[in-house]
Amino acid sequence: MSERSSSWRAPVLRAVGWLLVVLVLAVVFGWYLEPDFMLTMADQAWACF
């Protein structure tokens, strides 16, 4: 690989990584707005004990 191609690849990969992190956080936040999901998670967590 040339130096030129690697110079733009790192910022693009970093941006894609941050985009994935933000997307995952948005999905998790959306799940917490669902009462049924919260009840299911609480039941599953309680079943572990």
PDB file of N, CA and C in Angstrom:
ATOM      1  N   MET A   1       0.841  -1.190   0.000  1.00  0.00           N
ATOM      2  CA  MET A   1       0.000   0.000   0.000  1.00  0.00           C
ATOM      3  C   MET A   1       0.878   1.242   0.000  1.00  0.00           C
ATOM      4  N   SER A   2       0.400   2.197  -0.666  1.00  0.00           N
ATOM      5  CA  SER A   2       1.167   3.437  -0.692  1.00  0.00           C
ATOM      6  C   SER A   2       0.823   4.293   0.513  1.00  0.00           C
ATOM      7  N   GLU A   3       1.667   5.248   0.774  1.00  0.00           N
ATOM      8  CA  GLU A   3       1.438   6.153   1.898  1.00  0.00           C
ATOM      9  C   GLU A   3       0.163   6.974   1.700  1.00  0.00           C
ATOM     10  N   ARG A   4      -0.136   7.268   0.448  1.00  0.00           N
ATOM     11  CA  ARG A   4      -1.308   8.092   0.145  1.00  0.00           C
ATOM     12  C   ARG A   4      -2.611   7.373   0.502  1.00  0.00           C
ATOM     13  N   SER A   5      -2.722   6.068   0.193  1.00  0.00           N
ATOM     14  CA  SER A   5      -3.961   5.340   0.467  1.00  0.00           C
ATOM     15  C   SER A   5      -4.162   5.115   1.962  1.00  0.00           C
ATOM     16  N   SER A   6      -3.067   4.965   2.710  1.00  0.00           N
ATOM     17  CA  SER A   6      -3.213   4.741   4.138  1.00  0.00           C
ATOM     18  C   SER A   6      -3.516   6.035   4.890  1.00  0.00           C
ATOM     19  N   SER A   7      -3.231   7.179   4.269  1.00  0.00           N
ATOM     20  CA  SER A   7      -3.461   8.445   4.969  1.00  0.00           C
ATOM     21  C   SER A   7      -4.940   8.758   5.113  1.00  0.00           C
ATOM     22  N   TRP A   8      -5.772   8.313   4.193  1.00  0.00           N
ATOM     23  CA  TRP A   8      -7.213   8.576   4.309  1.00  0.00           C
ATOM     24  C   TRP A   8      -7.939   7.418   4.960  1.00  0.00           C
ATOM     25  N   ARG A   9      -7.330   6.243   5.002  1.00  0.00           N
ATOM     26  CA  ARG A   9      -8.014   5.058   5.512  1.00  0.00           C
ATOM     27  C   ARG A   9      -8.227   5.113   7.025  1.00  0.00           C
ATOM     28  N   ALA A  10      -7.260   5.589   7.772  1.00  0.00           N
ATOM     29  CA  ALA A  10      -7.365   5.631   9.232  1.00  0.00           C
ATOM     30  C   ALA A  10      -8.522   6.522   9.697  1.00  0.00           C
ATOM     31  N   PRO A  11      -8.657   7.748   9.192  1.00  0.00           N
ATOM     32  CA  PRO A  11      -9.793   8.567   9.631  1.00  0.00           C
ATOM     33  C   PRO A  11     -11.153   7.979   9.222  1.00  0.00           C
ATOM     34  N   VAL A  12     -11.182   7.344   8.055  1.00  0.00           N
ATOM     35  CA  VAL A  12     -12.443   6.738   7.597  1.00  0.00           C
ATOM     36  C   VAL A  12     -12.813   5.570   8.508  1.00  0.00           C
ATOM     37  N   LEU A  13     -11.840   4.737   8.827  1.00  0.00           N
ATOM     38  CA  LEU A  13     -12.118   3.611   9.721  1.00  0.00           C
ATOM     39  C   LEU A  13     -12.523   4.092  11.113  1.00  0.00           C
ATOM     40  N   ARG A  14     -11.892   5.152  11.578  1.00  0.00           N
ATOM     41  CA  ARG A  14     -12.253   5.708  12.887  1.00  0.00           C
ATOM     42  C   ARG A  14     -13.682   6.251  12.855  1.00  0.00           C
ATOM     43  N   ALA A  15     -14.058   6.927  11.779  1.00  0.00           N
ATOM     44  CA  ALA A  15     -15.415   7.467  11.649  1.00  0.00           C
ATOM     45  C   ALA A  15     -16.441   6.341  11.580  1.00  0.00           C
ATOM     46  N   VAL A  16     -16.131   5.289  10.858  1.00  0.00           N
ATOM     47  CA  VAL A  16     -17.044   4.139  10.772  1.00  0.00           C
ATOM     48  C   VAL A  16     -17.182   3.481  12.151  1.00  0.00           C
ATOM     49  N   GLY A  17     -16.086   3.379  12.869  1.00  0.00           N
ATOM     50  CA  GLY A  17     -16.147   2.808  14.219  1.00  0.00           C
ATOM     51  C   GLY A  17     -17.026   3.628  15.141  1.00  0.00           C
ATOM     52  N   TRP A  18     -16.855   4.959  15.115  1.00  0.00           N
ATOM     53  CA  TRP A  18     -17.694   5.810  15.961  1.00  0.00           C
ATOM     54  C   TRP A  18     -19.155   5.745  15.535  1.00  0.00           C
ATOM     55  N   LEU A  19     -19.406   5.641  14.229  1.00  0.00           N
ATOM     56  CA  LEU A  19     -20.770   5.519  13.746  1.00  0.00           C
ATOM     57  C   LEU A  19     -21.424   4.244  14.270  1.00  0.00           C
ATOM     58  N   LEU A  20     -20.671   3.148  14.276  1.00  0.00           N
ATOM     59  CA  LEU A  20     -21.195   1.893  14.815  1.00  0.00           C
ATOM     60  C   LEU A  20     -21.466   1.995  16.313  1.00  0.00           C
ATOM     61  N   VAL A  21     -20.571   2.644  17.049  1.00  0.00           N
ATOM     62  CA  VAL A  21     -20.778   2.821  18.490  1.00  0.00           C
ATOM     63  C   VAL A  21     -22.037   3.631  18.756  1.00  0.00           C
ATOM     64  N   VAL A  22     -22.204   4.722  18.030  1.00  0.00           N
ATOM     65  CA  VAL A  22     -23.391   5.571  18.219  1.00  0.00           C
ATOM     66  C   VAL A  22     -24.649   4.804  17.841  1.00  0.00           C
ATOM     67  N   LEU A  23     -24.600   4.016  16.781  1.00  0.00           N
ATOM     68  CA  LEU A  23     -25.758   3.224  16.365  1.00  0.00           C
ATOM     69  C   LEU A  23     -26.141   2.203  17.432  1.00  0.00           C
ATOM     70  N   VAL A  24     -25.152   1.511  17.981  1.00  0.00           N
ATOM     71  CA  VAL A  24     -25.429   0.527  19.040  1.00  0.00           C
ATOM     72  C   VAL A  24     -26.024   1.212  20.266  1.00  0.00           C
ATOM     73  N   LEU A  25     -25.479   2.352  20.649  1.00  0.00           N
ATOM     74  CA  LEU A  25     -26.022   3.079  21.803  1.00  0.00           C
ATOM     75  C   LEU A  25     -27.448   3.547  21.545  1.00  0.00           C
ATOM     76  N   ALA A  26     -27.745   3.977  20.334  1.00  0.00           N
ATOM     77  CA  ALA A  26     -29.106   4.404  19.996  1.00  0.00           C
ATOM     78  C   ALA A  26     -30.083   3.231  20.071  1.00  0.00           C
ATOM     79  N   VAL A  27     -29.648   2.072  19.602  1.00  0.00           N
ATOM     80  CA  VAL A  27     -30.515   0.887  19.664  1.00  0.00           C
ATOM     81  C   VAL A  27     -30.773   0.495  21.113  1.00  0.00           C
ATOM     82  N   VAL A  28     -29.731   0.485  21.924  1.00  0.00           N
ATOM     83  CA  VAL A  28     -29.899   0.128  23.337  1.00  0.00           C
ATOM     84  C   VAL A  28     -30.805   1.138  24.039  1.00  0.00           C
ATOM     85  N   PHE A  29     -30.619   2.425  23.760  1.00  0.00           N
ATOM     86  CA  PHE A  29     -31.478   3.447  24.343  1.00  0.00           C
ATOM     87  C   PHE A  29     -32.927   3.234  23.908  1.00  0.00           C
ATOM     88  N   GLY A  30     -33.144   2.892  22.665  1.00  0.00           N
ATOM     89  CA  GLY A  30     -34.494   2.612  22.172  1.00  0.00           C
ATOM     90  C   GLY A  30     -35.128   1.437  22.884  1.00  0.00           C
ATOM     91  N   TRP A  31     -34.327   0.409  23.183  1.00  0.00           N
ATOM     92  CA  TRP A  31     -34.862  -0.737  23.914  1.00  0.00           C
ATOM     93  C   TRP A  31     -35.314  -0.340  25.312  1.00  0.00           C
ATOM     94  N   TYR A  32     -34.606   0.562  25.939  1.00  0.00           N
ATOM     95  CA  TYR A  32     -34.970   0.975  27.289  1.00  0.00           C
ATOM     96  C   TYR A  32     -36.266   1.780  27.309  1.00  0.00           C
ATOM     97  N   LEU A  33     -36.689   2.294  26.172  1.00  0.00           N
ATOM     98  CA  LEU A  33     -37.960   3.008  26.098  1.00  0.00           C
ATOM     99  C   LEU A  33     -39.142   2.060  25.942  1.00  0.00           C
ATOM    100  N   GLU A  34     -38.853   0.780  25.740  1.00  0.00           N
ATOM    101  CA  GLU A  34     -39.901  -0.237  25.605  1.00  0.00           C
ATOM    102  C   GLU A  34     -40.151  -0.888  26.970  1.00  0.00           C
ATOM    103  N   PRO A  35     -41.316  -0.683  27.551  1.00  0.00           N
ATOM    104  CA  PRO A  35     -41.574  -1.275  28.873  1.00  0.00           C
ATOM    105  C   PRO A  35     -41.533  -2.803  28.864  1.00  0.00           C
ATOM    106  N   ASP A  36     -42.020  -3.440  27.800  1.00  0.00           N
ATOM    107  CA  ASP A  36     -42.003  -4.900  27.747  1.00  0.00           C
ATOM    108  C   ASP A  36     -40.579  -5.439  27.730  1.00  0.00           C
ATOM    109  N   PHE A  37     -39.713  -4.755  27.030  1.00  0.00           N
ATOM    110  CA  PHE A  37     -38.315  -5.175  26.996  1.00  0.00           C
ATOM    111  C   PHE A  37     -37.691  -5.069  28.374  1.00  0.00           C
ATOM    112  N   MET A  38     -37.983  -3.966  29.057  1.00  0.00           N
ATOM    113  CA  MET A  38     -37.430  -3.776  30.399  1.00  0.00           C
ATOM    114  C   MET A  38     -37.927  -4.859  31.346  1.00  0.00           C
ATOM    115  N   LEU A  39     -39.199  -5.204  31.249  1.00  0.00           N
ATOM    116  CA  LEU A  39     -39.766  -6.262  32.101  1.00  0.00           C
ATOM    117  C   LEU A  39     -39.110  -7.605  31.793  1.00  0.00           C
ATOM    118  N   THR A  40     -38.915  -7.902  30.522  1.00  0.00           N
ATOM    119  CA  THR A  40     -38.266  -9.151  30.130  1.00  0.00           C
ATOM    120  C   THR A  40     -36.830  -9.201  30.658  1.00  0.00           C
ATOM    121  N   MET A  41     -36.093  -8.106  30.538  1.00  0.00           N
ATOM    122  CA  MET A  41     -34.720  -8.070  31.032  1.00  0.00           C
ATOM    123  C   MET A  41     -34.681  -8.235  32.555  1.00  0.00           C
ATOM    124  N   ALA A  42     -35.614  -7.586  33.243  1.00  0.00           N
ATOM    125  CA  ALA A  42     -35.657  -7.717  34.706  1.00  0.00           C
ATOM    126  C   ALA A  42     -35.987  -9.154  35.100  1.00  0.00           C
ATOM    127  N   ASP A  43     -36.909  -9.791  34.406  1.00  0.00           N
ATOM    128  CA  ASP A  43     -37.256 -11.177  34.700  1.00  0.00           C
ATOM    129  C   ASP A  43     -36.074 -12.114  34.450  1.00  0.00           C
ATOM    130  N   GLN A  44     -35.364 -11.879  33.359  1.00  0.00           N
ATOM    131  CA  GLN A  44     -34.220 -12.730  33.050  1.00  0.00           C
ATOM    132  C   GLN A  44     -33.085 -12.525  34.049  1.00  0.00           C
ATOM    133  N   ALA A  45     -32.879 -11.289  34.453  1.00  0.00           N
ATOM    134  CA  ALA A  45     -31.837 -11.025  35.446  1.00  0.00           C
ATOM    135  C   ALA A  45     -32.199 -11.659  36.786  1.00  0.00           C
ATOM    136  N   TRP A  46     -33.462 -11.553  37.168  1.00  0.00           N
ATOM    137  CA  TRP A  46     -33.913 -12.138  38.434  1.00  0.00           C
ATOM    138  C   TRP A  46     -33.823 -13.655  38.404  1.00  0.00           C
ATOM    139  N   ALA A  47     -34.039 -14.260  37.222  1.00  0.00           N
ATOM    140  CA  ALA A  47     -33.978 -15.714  37.098  1.00  0.00           C
ATOM    141  C   ALA A  47     -32.553 -16.235  37.311  1.00  0.00           C
ATOM    142  N   CYS A  48     -31.564 -15.382  37.147  1.00  0.00           N
ATOM    143  CA  CYS A  48     -30.182 -15.810  37.368  1.00  0.00           C
ATOM    144  C   CYS A  48     -29.900 -16.075  38.856  1.00  0.00           C
ATOM    145  N   PHE A  49     -30.686 -15.476  39.724  1.00  0.00           N
ATOM    146  CA  PHE A  49     -30.466 -15.648  41.153  1.00  0.00           C
ATOM    147  C   PHE A  49     -31.473 -16.609  41.671  1.00  0.00           C
TER     148      PHE A  49
END
